[in-house]
Amino acid sequence: MEKRLLTIQDISCVGKCSTTVALPLISACGIECAVLPSSVLSNHTASGYSGWTFRDLTEDMITVMNQWLKEKIDFDAFYTGYVSKEQIPLILEIIEKTSRNGAVTIVDPVMADNGKLYAGFSSDFPQEMKKLVEKADVIMPNLTEASLLLGIEYKETYTKDEIEDIARKLNELGARNVILTGVSFDPKMLGVAVFDGLTFDYYFTEKILVSFHGTGDVFASVVAGALMTGKTLIEASTIAADIVVESIKATLGDDSHWYGVKFEKAIPALVRKINPSN
């Protein structure tokens, strides 16, 4: 039976993020990607747009789950992104009721960056997100999200010992494997720390001094897809980091594409990295 992954996150109809990134990138890995939208937005909420429309889909998620149960639809993996506090108990129920044997839960605890919660999230949201994190096989927080999950102060810079202490504490919350993003010990390099509960691995790429919306979604989506093909945590993280860099480089110099990275240009490279023999 072919592997089937369900991604649960919002759809920003325009803006190169969340589901519109996950679906093509996971599919490019050769993995069937089903979707369950948590909300629908006209466009993403980052600066650049004057506003957006938003529709919460919690009630629809319930009816979709009930229909799936009638149809006996199930999944090998679950990959969650931007969701609301009220949806977390429902997501845990969906995972419990629609998991195939050995199903994997991959959580990107999308809620914050640069030391601050995203607009729209209340201060108690990290405590609710912990309920999802503690059931996860893999989590992929940035350092702001990691700090909020642990209730510790966010810092601009970290030592290697501090990074490893954070990863261990996240593992102690219940997450079996931790991929910390935004790790840097050199101002010219940016990367990830990977912890499987026993050992650490690191991977760094050249730090490109420009910010694009959606790069975190590109990274998380590629990790999810790559893991389902049998790649190890560090292999999946390495591929994902390289694809983020490729996507950014493809976008540099195009001021008309300010709203997100051209990840589509990196899909051929992703396919080669997933199947190097082809």
C-alpha atoms as a PDB file:
ATOM      1  CA  MET A   1       0.000   0.000   0.000  1.00  0.00           C
ATOM      2  CA  GLU A   2       1.295   3.450  -0.921  1.00  0.00           C
ATOM      3  CA  LYS A   3       2.102   5.765   1.976  1.00  0.00           C
ATOM      4  CA  ARG A   4      -0.417   8.520   2.608  1.00  0.00           C
ATOM      5  CA  LEU A   5       0.358  11.644   4.648  1.00  0.00           C
ATOM      6  CA  LEU A   6      -2.279  14.047   5.966  1.00  0.00           C
ATOM      7  CA  THR A   7      -1.269  17.656   6.447  1.00  0.00           C
ATOM      8  CA  ILE A   8      -3.420  19.768   8.768  1.00  0.00           C
ATOM      9  CA  GLN A   9      -2.876  23.511   8.456  1.00  0.00           C
ATOM     10  CA  ASP A  10      -4.361  26.626   6.915  1.00  0.00           C
ATOM     11  CA  ILE A  11      -4.744  27.473   3.265  1.00  0.00           C
ATOM     12  CA  SER A  12      -3.531  30.931   2.342  1.00  0.00           C
ATOM     13  CA  CYS A  13      -4.925  31.082  -1.168  1.00  0.00           C
ATOM     14  CA  VAL A  14      -2.119  33.415  -2.276  1.00  0.00           C
ATOM     15  CA  GLY A  15       1.195  33.806  -0.534  1.00  0.00           C
ATOM     16  CA  LYS A  16       3.417  30.718  -0.849  1.00  0.00           C
ATOM     17  CA  CYS A  17       2.937  29.182   2.578  1.00  0.00           C
ATOM     18  CA  SER A  18       1.222  26.435   4.570  1.00  0.00           C
ATOM     19  CA  THR A  19      -0.870  23.994   2.503  1.00  0.00           C
ATOM     20  CA  THR A  20      -0.010  25.516  -0.889  1.00  0.00           C
ATOM     21  CA  VAL A  21       3.639  24.726  -0.095  1.00  0.00           C
ATOM     22  CA  ALA A  22       3.117  21.373   1.631  1.00  0.00           C
ATOM     23  CA  LEU A  23       1.001  19.740  -1.064  1.00  0.00           C
ATOM     24  CA  PRO A  24       3.403  20.184  -4.005  1.00  0.00           C
ATOM     25  CA  LEU A  25       6.608  19.549  -2.057  1.00  0.00           C
ATOM     26  CA  ILE A  26       5.405  16.391  -0.324  1.00  0.00           C
ATOM     27  CA  SER A  27       3.983  15.158  -3.623  1.00  0.00           C
ATOM     28  CA  ALA A  28       7.364  15.828  -5.270  1.00  0.00           C
ATOM     29  CA  CYS A  29       8.887  13.425  -2.724  1.00  0.00           C
ATOM     30  CA  GLY A  30       6.619  10.726  -4.141  1.00  0.00           C
ATOM     31  CA  ILE A  31       4.298  10.653  -1.138  1.00  0.00           C
ATOM     32  CA  GLU A  32       0.505  10.946  -1.404  1.00  0.00           C
ATOM     33  CA  CYS A  33      -0.476  14.151   0.395  1.00  0.00           C
ATOM     34  CA  ALA A  34      -4.027  14.516   1.698  1.00  0.00           C
ATOM     35  CA  VAL A  35      -5.103  17.842   3.183  1.00  0.00           C
ATOM     36  CA  LEU A  36      -7.337  19.011   6.007  1.00  0.00           C
ATOM     37  CA  PRO A  37      -7.538  22.829   6.037  1.00  0.00           C
ATOM     38  CA  SER A  38      -7.781  24.417   9.472  1.00  0.00           C
ATOM     39  CA  SER A  39      -8.772  27.782   7.984  1.00  0.00           C
ATOM     40  CA  VAL A  40      -8.860  29.610   4.659  1.00  0.00           C
ATOM     41  CA  LEU A  41      -7.297  33.020   4.117  1.00  0.00           C
ATOM     42  CA  SER A  42      -7.365  35.147   0.984  1.00  0.00           C
ATOM     43  CA  ASN A  43      -3.609  35.734   1.377  1.00  0.00           C
ATOM     44  CA  HIS A  44      -1.023  35.405   4.096  1.00  0.00           C
ATOM     45  CA  THR A  45      -0.872  37.869   6.972  1.00  0.00           C
ATOM     46  CA  ALA A  46       2.715  39.062   6.692  1.00  0.00           C
ATOM     47  CA  SER A  47       3.459  42.693   5.961  1.00  0.00           C
ATOM     48  CA  GLY A  48       3.018  43.712   2.357  1.00  0.00           C
ATOM     49  CA  TYR A  49      -0.702  43.081   2.048  1.00  0.00           C
ATOM     50  CA  SER A  50      -3.146  45.682   3.350  1.00  0.00           C
ATOM     51  CA  GLY A  51      -5.416  43.019   4.858  1.00  0.00           C
ATOM     52  CA  TRP A  52      -6.885  39.577   4.400  1.00  0.00           C
ATOM     53  CA  THR A  53     -10.025  37.507   4.730  1.00  0.00           C
ATOM     54  CA  PHE A  54     -10.186  34.643   7.207  1.00  0.00           C
ATOM     55  CA  ARG A  55     -12.586  31.753   7.713  1.00  0.00           C
ATOM     56  CA  ASP A  56     -12.235  29.248  10.541  1.00  0.00           C
ATOM     57  CA  LEU A  57     -12.944  25.652   9.486  1.00  0.00           C
ATOM     58  CA  THR A  58     -13.099  23.863  12.833  1.00  0.00           C
ATOM     59  CA  GLU A  59     -16.690  22.703  12.318  1.00  0.00           C
ATOM     60  CA  ASP A  60     -15.842  21.486   8.823  1.00  0.00           C
ATOM     61  CA  MET A  61     -12.879  19.534  10.206  1.00  0.00           C
ATOM     62  CA  ILE A  62     -15.281  17.636  12.460  1.00  0.00           C
ATOM     63  CA  THR A  63     -17.623  16.691   9.612  1.00  0.00           C
ATOM     64  CA  VAL A  64     -14.676  15.683   7.412  1.00  0.00           C
ATOM     65  CA  MET A  65     -13.310  13.434  10.167  1.00  0.00           C
ATOM     66  CA  ASN A  66     -16.696  11.778  10.622  1.00  0.00           C
ATOM     67  CA  GLN A  67     -16.953  11.080   6.908  1.00  0.00           C
ATOM     68  CA  TRP A  68     -13.438   9.643   6.852  1.00  0.00           C
ATOM     69  CA  LEU A  69     -14.390   7.302   9.684  1.00  0.00           C
ATOM     70  CA  LYS A  70     -17.403   6.108   7.675  1.00  0.00           C
ATOM     71  CA  GLU A  71     -15.177   5.533   4.647  1.00  0.00           C
ATOM     72  CA  LYS A  72     -12.431   3.893   6.748  1.00  0.00           C
ATOM     73  CA  ILE A  73      -9.866   6.379   5.402  1.00  0.00           C
ATOM     74  CA  ASP A  74      -6.568   6.292   7.269  1.00  0.00           C
ATOM     75  CA  PHE A  75      -3.037   7.665   7.122  1.00  0.00           C
ATOM     76  CA  ASP A  76       0.620   6.686   7.587  1.00  0.00           C
ATOM     77  CA  ALA A  77       1.655  10.130   8.777  1.00  0.00           C
ATOM     78  CA  PHE A  78       0.304  13.425  10.052  1.00  0.00           C
ATOM     79  CA  TYR A  79       2.036  16.767   9.538  1.00  0.00           C
ATOM     80  CA  THR A  80       0.556  19.751  11.360  1.00  0.00           C
ATOM     81  CA  GLY A  81       1.276  23.437  10.865  1.00  0.00           C
ATOM     82  CA  TYR A  82      -0.702  26.582  11.640  1.00  0.00           C
ATOM     83  CA  VAL A  83      -3.759  25.640  13.716  1.00  0.00           C
ATOM     84  CA  SER A  84      -5.849  27.260  16.438  1.00  0.00           C
ATOM     85  CA  LYS A  85      -5.966  26.447  20.135  1.00  0.00           C
ATOM     86  CA  GLU A  86      -9.498  25.055  19.789  1.00  0.00           C
ATOM     87  CA  GLN A  87      -8.417  22.674  17.019  1.00  0.00           C
ATOM     88  CA  ILE A  88      -5.659  20.898  18.934  1.00  0.00           C
ATOM     89  CA  PRO A  89      -7.951  18.451  20.821  1.00  0.00           C
ATOM     90  CA  LEU A  90      -9.701  17.676  17.524  1.00  0.00           C
ATOM     91  CA  ILE A  91      -6.386  17.055  15.770  1.00  0.00           C
ATOM     92  CA  LEU A  92      -5.366  14.623  18.502  1.00  0.00           C
ATOM     93  CA  GLU A  93      -8.701  12.825  18.021  1.00  0.00           C
ATOM     94  CA  ILE A  94      -8.195  12.651  14.248  1.00  0.00           C
ATOM     95  CA  ILE A  95      -4.715  11.199  14.716  1.00  0.00           C
ATOM     96  CA  GLU A  96      -6.003   8.629  17.201  1.00  0.00           C
ATOM     97  CA  LYS A  97      -8.909   7.508  15.034  1.00  0.00           C
ATOM     98  CA  THR A  98      -7.361   7.540  11.532  1.00  0.00           C
ATOM     99  CA  SER A  99      -3.826   6.226  12.117  1.00  0.00           C
ATOM    100  CA  ARG A 100      -2.527   3.233  10.251  1.00  0.00           C
ATOM    101  CA  ASN A 101      -0.252   0.875  12.173  1.00  0.00           C
ATOM    102  CA  GLY A 102       3.000   2.646  12.959  1.00  0.00           C
ATOM    103  CA  ALA A 103       1.750   6.066  11.872  1.00  0.00           C
ATOM    104  CA  VAL A 104       4.106   9.009  12.436  1.00  0.00           C
ATOM    105  CA  THR A 105       3.117  12.427  13.805  1.00  0.00           C
ATOM    106  CA  ILE A 106       5.217  15.391  12.628  1.00  0.00           C
ATOM    107  CA  VAL A 107       4.514  18.729  14.297  1.00  0.00           C
ATOM    108  CA  ASP A 108       5.680  22.135  13.180  1.00  0.00           C
ATOM    109  CA  PRO A 109       4.504  24.193  16.192  1.00  0.00           C
ATOM    110  CA  VAL A 110       3.818  27.319  14.151  1.00  0.00           C
ATOM    111  CA  MET A 111       3.143  30.182  16.539  1.00  0.00           C
ATOM    112  CA  ALA A 112       6.077  32.594  16.828  1.00  0.00           C
ATOM    113  CA  ASP A 113       9.327  33.997  15.476  1.00  0.00           C
ATOM    114  CA  ASN A 114      11.918  36.622  16.387  1.00  0.00           C
ATOM    115  CA  GLY A 115      11.030  36.385  20.069  1.00  0.00           C
ATOM    116  CA  LYS A 116       7.299  37.053  19.715  1.00  0.00           C
ATOM    117  CA  LEU A 117       4.028  35.163  19.322  1.00  0.00           C
ATOM    118  CA  TYR A 118       2.264  35.703  16.008  1.00  0.00           C
ATOM    119  CA  ALA A 119      -0.668  38.100  16.041  1.00  0.00           C
ATOM    120  CA  GLY A 120      -3.891  36.329  16.902  1.00  0.00           C
ATOM    121  CA  PHE A 121      -2.379  33.857  19.357  1.00  0.00           C
ATOM    122  CA  SER A 122      -3.128  34.359  23.053  1.00  0.00           C
ATOM    123  CA  SER A 123      -0.422  34.014  25.678  1.00  0.00           C
ATOM    124  CA  ASP A 124      -1.730  30.574  26.726  1.00  0.00           C
ATOM    125  CA  PHE A 125      -1.375  29.121  23.217  1.00  0.00           C
ATOM    126  CA  PRO A 126       2.076  27.563  23.851  1.00  0.00           C
ATOM    127  CA  GLN A 127       0.582  25.529  26.710  1.00  0.00           C
ATOM    128  CA  GLU A 128      -2.054  24.162  24.342  1.00  0.00           C
ATOM    129  CA  MET A 129       0.534  23.451  21.652  1.00  0.00           C
ATOM    130  CA  LYS A 130       2.474  21.375  24.202  1.00  0.00           C
ATOM    131  CA  LYS A 131      -0.418  18.868  24.129  1.00  0.00           C
ATOM    132  CA  LEU A 132       0.319  18.255  20.458  1.00  0.00           C
ATOM    133  CA  VAL A 133       4.088  18.343  20.905  1.00  0.00           C
ATOM    134  CA  GLU A 134       4.063  15.707  23.644  1.00  0.00           C
ATOM    135  CA  LYS A 135       2.375  13.235  21.261  1.00  0.00           C
ATOM    136  CA  ALA A 136       4.720  13.938  18.353  1.00  0.00           C
ATOM    137  CA  ASP A 137       7.314  11.676  16.825  1.00  0.00           C
ATOM    138  CA  VAL A 138       9.089  14.694  15.294  1.00  0.00           C
ATOM    139  CA  ILE A 139       8.847  18.385  16.149  1.00  0.00           C
ATOM    140  CA  MET A 140      10.430  21.264  14.218  1.00  0.00           C
ATOM    141  CA  PRO A 141      10.321  24.450  16.312  1.00  0.00           C
ATOM    142  CA  ASN A 142      12.368  27.545  15.716  1.00  0.00           C
ATOM    143  CA  LEU A 143      14.154  28.920  18.758  1.00  0.00           C
ATOM    144  CA  THR A 144      11.332  31.325  19.647  1.00  0.00           C
ATOM    145  CA  GLU A 145       8.804  28.484  19.593  1.00  0.00           C
ATOM    146  CA  ALA A 146      11.143  26.250  21.579  1.00  0.00           C
ATOM    147  CA  SER A 147      11.502  28.967  24.226  1.00  0.00           C
ATOM    148  CA  LEU A 148       7.743  29.411  24.504  1.00  0.00           C
ATOM    149  CA  LEU A 149       7.149  25.664  24.770  1.00  0.00           C
ATOM    150  CA  LEU A 150       9.686  25.431  27.577  1.00  0.00           C
ATOM    151  CA  GLY A 151       8.758  28.680  29.314  1.00  0.00           C
ATOM    152  CA  ILE A 152      12.293  30.051  29.078  1.00  0.00           C
ATOM    153  CA  GLU A 153      13.663  33.376  27.883  1.00  0.00           C
ATOM    154  CA  TYR A 154      14.364  33.744  24.159  1.00  0.00           C
ATOM    155  CA  LYS A 155      17.867  34.918  23.245  1.00  0.00           C
ATOM    156  CA  GLU A 156      19.436  36.269  20.081  1.00  0.00           C
ATOM    157  CA  THR A 157      22.459  33.961  20.337  1.00  0.00           C
ATOM    158  CA  TYR A 158      23.047  30.542  21.882  1.00  0.00           C
ATOM    159  CA  THR A 159      26.037  28.365  22.670  1.00  0.00           C
ATOM    160  CA  LYS A 160      26.150  24.743  21.541  1.00  0.00           C
ATOM    161  CA  ASP A 161      25.563  23.603  25.119  1.00  0.00           C
ATOM    162  CA  GLU A 162      22.464  25.815  25.361  1.00  0.00           C
ATOM    163  CA  ILE A 163      21.064  24.468  22.094  1.00  0.00           C
ATOM    164  CA  GLU A 164      21.560  20.892  23.213  1.00  0.00           C
ATOM    165  CA  ASP A 165      19.964  21.629  26.583  1.00  0.00           C
ATOM    166  CA  ILE A 166      16.890  23.072  24.817  1.00  0.00           C
ATOM    167  CA  ALA A 167      16.633  20.028  22.557  1.00  0.00           C
ATOM    168  CA  ARG A 168      16.868  17.657  25.514  1.00  0.00           C
ATOM    169  CA  LYS A 169      14.157  19.531  27.390  1.00  0.00           C
ATOM    170  CA  LEU A 170      11.870  19.436  24.337  1.00  0.00           C
ATOM    171  CA  ASN A 171      12.486  15.710  24.135  1.00  0.00           C
ATOM    172  CA  GLU A 172      11.500  15.433  27.787  1.00  0.00           C
ATOM    173  CA  LEU A 173       8.137  17.026  26.959  1.00  0.00           C
ATOM    174  CA  GLY A 174       7.369  13.865  24.983  1.00  0.00           C
ATOM    175  CA  ALA A 175       8.596  14.601  21.468  1.00  0.00           C
ATOM    176  CA  ARG A 176      10.689  11.614  20.392  1.00  0.00           C
ATOM    177  CA  ASN A 177      12.795  13.546  17.884  1.00  0.00           C
ATOM    178  CA  VAL A 178      13.639  17.257  17.784  1.00  0.00           C
ATOM    179  CA  ILE A 179      14.746  19.357  14.823  1.00  0.00           C
ATOM    180  CA  LEU A 180      15.640  22.847  16.046  1.00  0.00           C
ATOM    181  CA  THR A 181      15.730  25.421  13.254  1.00  0.00           C
ATOM    182  CA  GLY A 182      17.456  28.779  13.113  1.00  0.00           C
ATOM    183  CA  VAL A 183      20.583  27.509  14.883  1.00  0.00           C
ATOM    184  CA  SER A 184      23.781  29.496  14.353  1.00  0.00           C
ATOM    185  CA  PHE A 185      27.211  29.512  15.979  1.00  0.00           C
ATOM    186  CA  ASP A 186      28.775  31.573  13.179  1.00  0.00           C
ATOM    187  CA  PRO A 187      27.238  34.802  11.825  1.00  0.00           C
ATOM    188  CA  LYS A 188      27.857  33.577   8.277  1.00  0.00           C
ATOM    189  CA  MET A 189      26.107  30.220   8.737  1.00  0.00           C
ATOM    190  CA  LEU A 190      22.573  29.107   9.614  1.00  0.00           C
ATOM    191  CA  GLY A 191      21.290  25.624  10.225  1.00  0.00           C
ATOM    192  CA  VAL A 192      19.572  22.986  12.301  1.00  0.00           C
ATOM    193  CA  ALA A 193      20.261  20.851  15.350  1.00  0.00           C
ATOM    194  CA  VAL A 194      18.811  17.339  15.220  1.00  0.00           C
ATOM    195  CA  PHE A 195      18.307  15.252  18.376  1.00  0.00           C
ATOM    196  CA  ASP A 196      16.889  11.733  18.405  1.00  0.00           C
ATOM    197  CA  GLY A 197      16.852  11.365  22.173  1.00  0.00           C
ATOM    198  CA  LEU A 198      20.390  10.015  22.236  1.00  0.00           C
ATOM    199  CA  THR A 199      22.680  11.824  19.810  1.00  0.00           C
ATOM    200  CA  PHE A 200      23.001  15.218  18.127  1.00  0.00           C
ATOM    201  CA  ASP A 201      23.613  16.054  14.494  1.00  0.00           C
ATOM    202  CA  TYR A 202      24.054  19.471  12.899  1.00  0.00           C
ATOM    203  CA  TYR A 203      23.799  20.847   9.397  1.00  0.00           C
ATOM    204  CA  PHE A 204      24.608  24.404   8.316  1.00  0.00           C
ATOM    205  CA  THR A 205      24.263  26.360   5.093  1.00  0.00           C
ATOM    206  CA  GLU A 206      25.424  29.788   4.025  1.00  0.00           C
ATOM    207  CA  LYS A 207      23.362  32.474   5.780  1.00  0.00           C
ATOM    208  CA  ILE A 208      21.614  34.598   3.180  1.00  0.00           C
ATOM    209  CA  LEU A 209      20.936  38.045   4.621  1.00  0.00           C
ATOM    210  CA  VAL A 210      17.387  38.376   3.341  1.00  0.00           C
ATOM    211  CA  SER A 211      14.049  37.227   4.734  1.00  0.00           C
ATOM    212  CA  PHE A 212      11.244  35.637   2.731  1.00  0.00           C
ATOM    213  CA  HIS A 213       7.845  34.517   3.952  1.00  0.00           C
ATOM    214  CA  GLY A 214       7.206  30.761   3.907  1.00  0.00           C
ATOM    215  CA  THR A 215      10.732  29.393   4.154  1.00  0.00           C
ATOM    216  CA  GLY A 216       9.827  27.604   7.385  1.00  0.00           C
ATOM    217  CA  ASP A 217       6.943  25.905   5.589  1.00  0.00           C
ATOM    218  CA  VAL A 218       9.263  24.834   2.787  1.00  0.00           C
ATOM    219  CA  PHE A 219      11.678  23.325   5.301  1.00  0.00           C
ATOM    220  CA  ALA A 220       9.004  21.519   7.325  1.00  0.00           C
ATOM    221  CA  SER A 221       7.207  20.183   4.255  1.00  0.00           C
ATOM    222  CA  VAL A 222      10.380  18.756   2.736  1.00  0.00           C
ATOM    223  CA  VAL A 223      11.347  17.176   6.055  1.00  0.00           C
ATOM    224  CA  ALA A 224       7.921  15.539   6.302  1.00  0.00           C
ATOM    225  CA  GLY A 225       8.041  14.223   2.748  1.00  0.00           C
ATOM    226  CA  ALA A 226      11.654  13.060   2.976  1.00  0.00           C
ATOM    227  CA  LEU A 227      11.090  11.209   6.252  1.00  0.00           C
ATOM    228  CA  MET A 228       8.247   9.274   4.646  1.00  0.00           C
ATOM    229  CA  THR A 229      10.599   8.070   1.900  1.00  0.00           C
ATOM    230  CA  GLY A 230      12.848   6.511   4.536  1.00  0.00           C
ATOM    231  CA  LYS A 231      15.402   9.292   4.943  1.00  0.00           C
ATOM    232  CA  THR A 232      16.917   9.699   8.398  1.00  0.00           C
ATOM    233  CA  LEU A 233      16.305  12.820  10.470  1.00  0.00           C
ATOM    234  CA  ILE A 234      19.610  14.392   9.502  1.00  0.00           C
ATOM    235  CA  GLU A 235      19.239  13.366   5.848  1.00  0.00           C
ATOM    236  CA  ALA A 236      15.747  14.871   5.684  1.00  0.00           C
ATOM    237  CA  SER A 237      16.909  18.036   7.466  1.00  0.00           C
ATOM    238  CA  THR A 238      19.889  18.406   5.140  1.00  0.00           C
ATOM    239  CA  ILE A 239      17.743  18.048   2.035  1.00  0.00           C
ATOM    240  CA  ALA A 240      15.190  20.496   3.420  1.00  0.00           C
ATOM    241  CA  ALA A 241      17.792  23.119   4.317  1.00  0.00           C
ATOM    242  CA  ASP A 242      19.350  22.867   0.857  1.00  0.00           C
ATOM    243  CA  ILE A 243      15.951  23.265  -0.820  1.00  0.00           C
ATOM    244  CA  VAL A 244      15.240  26.371   1.274  1.00  0.00           C
ATOM    245  CA  VAL A 245      18.538  27.880   0.094  1.00  0.00           C
ATOM    246  CA  GLU A 246      17.757  26.955  -3.527  1.00  0.00           C
ATOM    247  CA  SER A 247      14.327  28.558  -3.192  1.00  0.00           C
ATOM    248  CA  ILE A 248      15.740  31.766  -1.743  1.00  0.00           C
ATOM    249  CA  LYS A 249      18.433  32.040  -4.409  1.00  0.00           C
ATOM    250  CA  ALA A 250      15.796  31.549  -7.118  1.00  0.00           C
ATOM    251  CA  THR A 251      13.860  34.496  -5.672  1.00  0.00           C
ATOM    252  CA  LEU A 252      16.681  36.968  -5.098  1.00  0.00           C
ATOM    253  CA  GLY A 253      16.497  40.001  -7.343  1.00  0.00           C
ATOM    254  CA  ASP A 254      12.809  39.611  -8.186  1.00  0.00           C
ATOM    255  CA  ASP A 255      11.112  42.423  -6.298  1.00  0.00           C
ATOM    256  CA  SER A 256       7.719  41.401  -7.705  1.00  0.00           C
ATOM    257  CA  HIS A 257       7.959  38.159  -5.720  1.00  0.00           C
ATOM    258  CA  TRP A 258       8.233  39.776  -2.275  1.00  0.00           C
ATOM    259  CA  TYR A 259       5.377  37.650  -0.864  1.00  0.00           C
ATOM    260  CA  GLY A 260       7.200  34.305  -0.828  1.00  0.00           C
ATOM    261  CA  VAL A 261       9.997  32.156  -2.203  1.00  0.00           C
ATOM    262  CA  LYS A 262       9.992  30.521  -5.627  1.00  0.00           C
ATOM    263  CA  PHE A 263      10.086  27.019  -4.190  1.00  0.00           C
ATOM    264  CA  GLU A 264       8.754  25.660  -7.483  1.00  0.00           C
ATOM    265  CA  LYS A 265      12.155  26.348  -9.059  1.00  0.00           C
ATOM    266  CA  ALA A 266      13.738  24.019  -6.490  1.00  0.00           C
ATOM    267  CA  ILE A 267      11.404  21.058  -7.106  1.00  0.00           C
ATOM    268  CA  PRO A 268      13.703  19.425  -9.710  1.00  0.00           C
ATOM    269  CA  ALA A 269      16.550  19.565  -7.186  1.00  0.00           C
ATOM    270  CA  LEU A 270      14.284  18.075  -4.526  1.00  0.00           C
ATOM    271  CA  VAL A 271      13.339  15.159  -6.781  1.00  0.00           C
ATOM    272  CA  ARG A 272      17.033  14.474  -7.482  1.00  0.00           C
ATOM    273  CA  LYS A 273      17.924  14.585  -3.787  1.00  0.00           C
ATOM    274  CA  ILE A 274      15.085  12.214  -2.845  1.00  0.00           C
ATOM    275  CA  ASN A 275      15.977   9.790  -5.669  1.00  0.00           C
ATOM    276  CA  PRO A 276      19.654  10.399  -6.525  1.00  0.00           C
ATOM    277  CA  SER A 277      19.842   7.260  -8.678  1.00  0.00           C
ATOM    278  CA  ASN A 278      17.185   8.538 -11.125  1.00  0.00           C
END
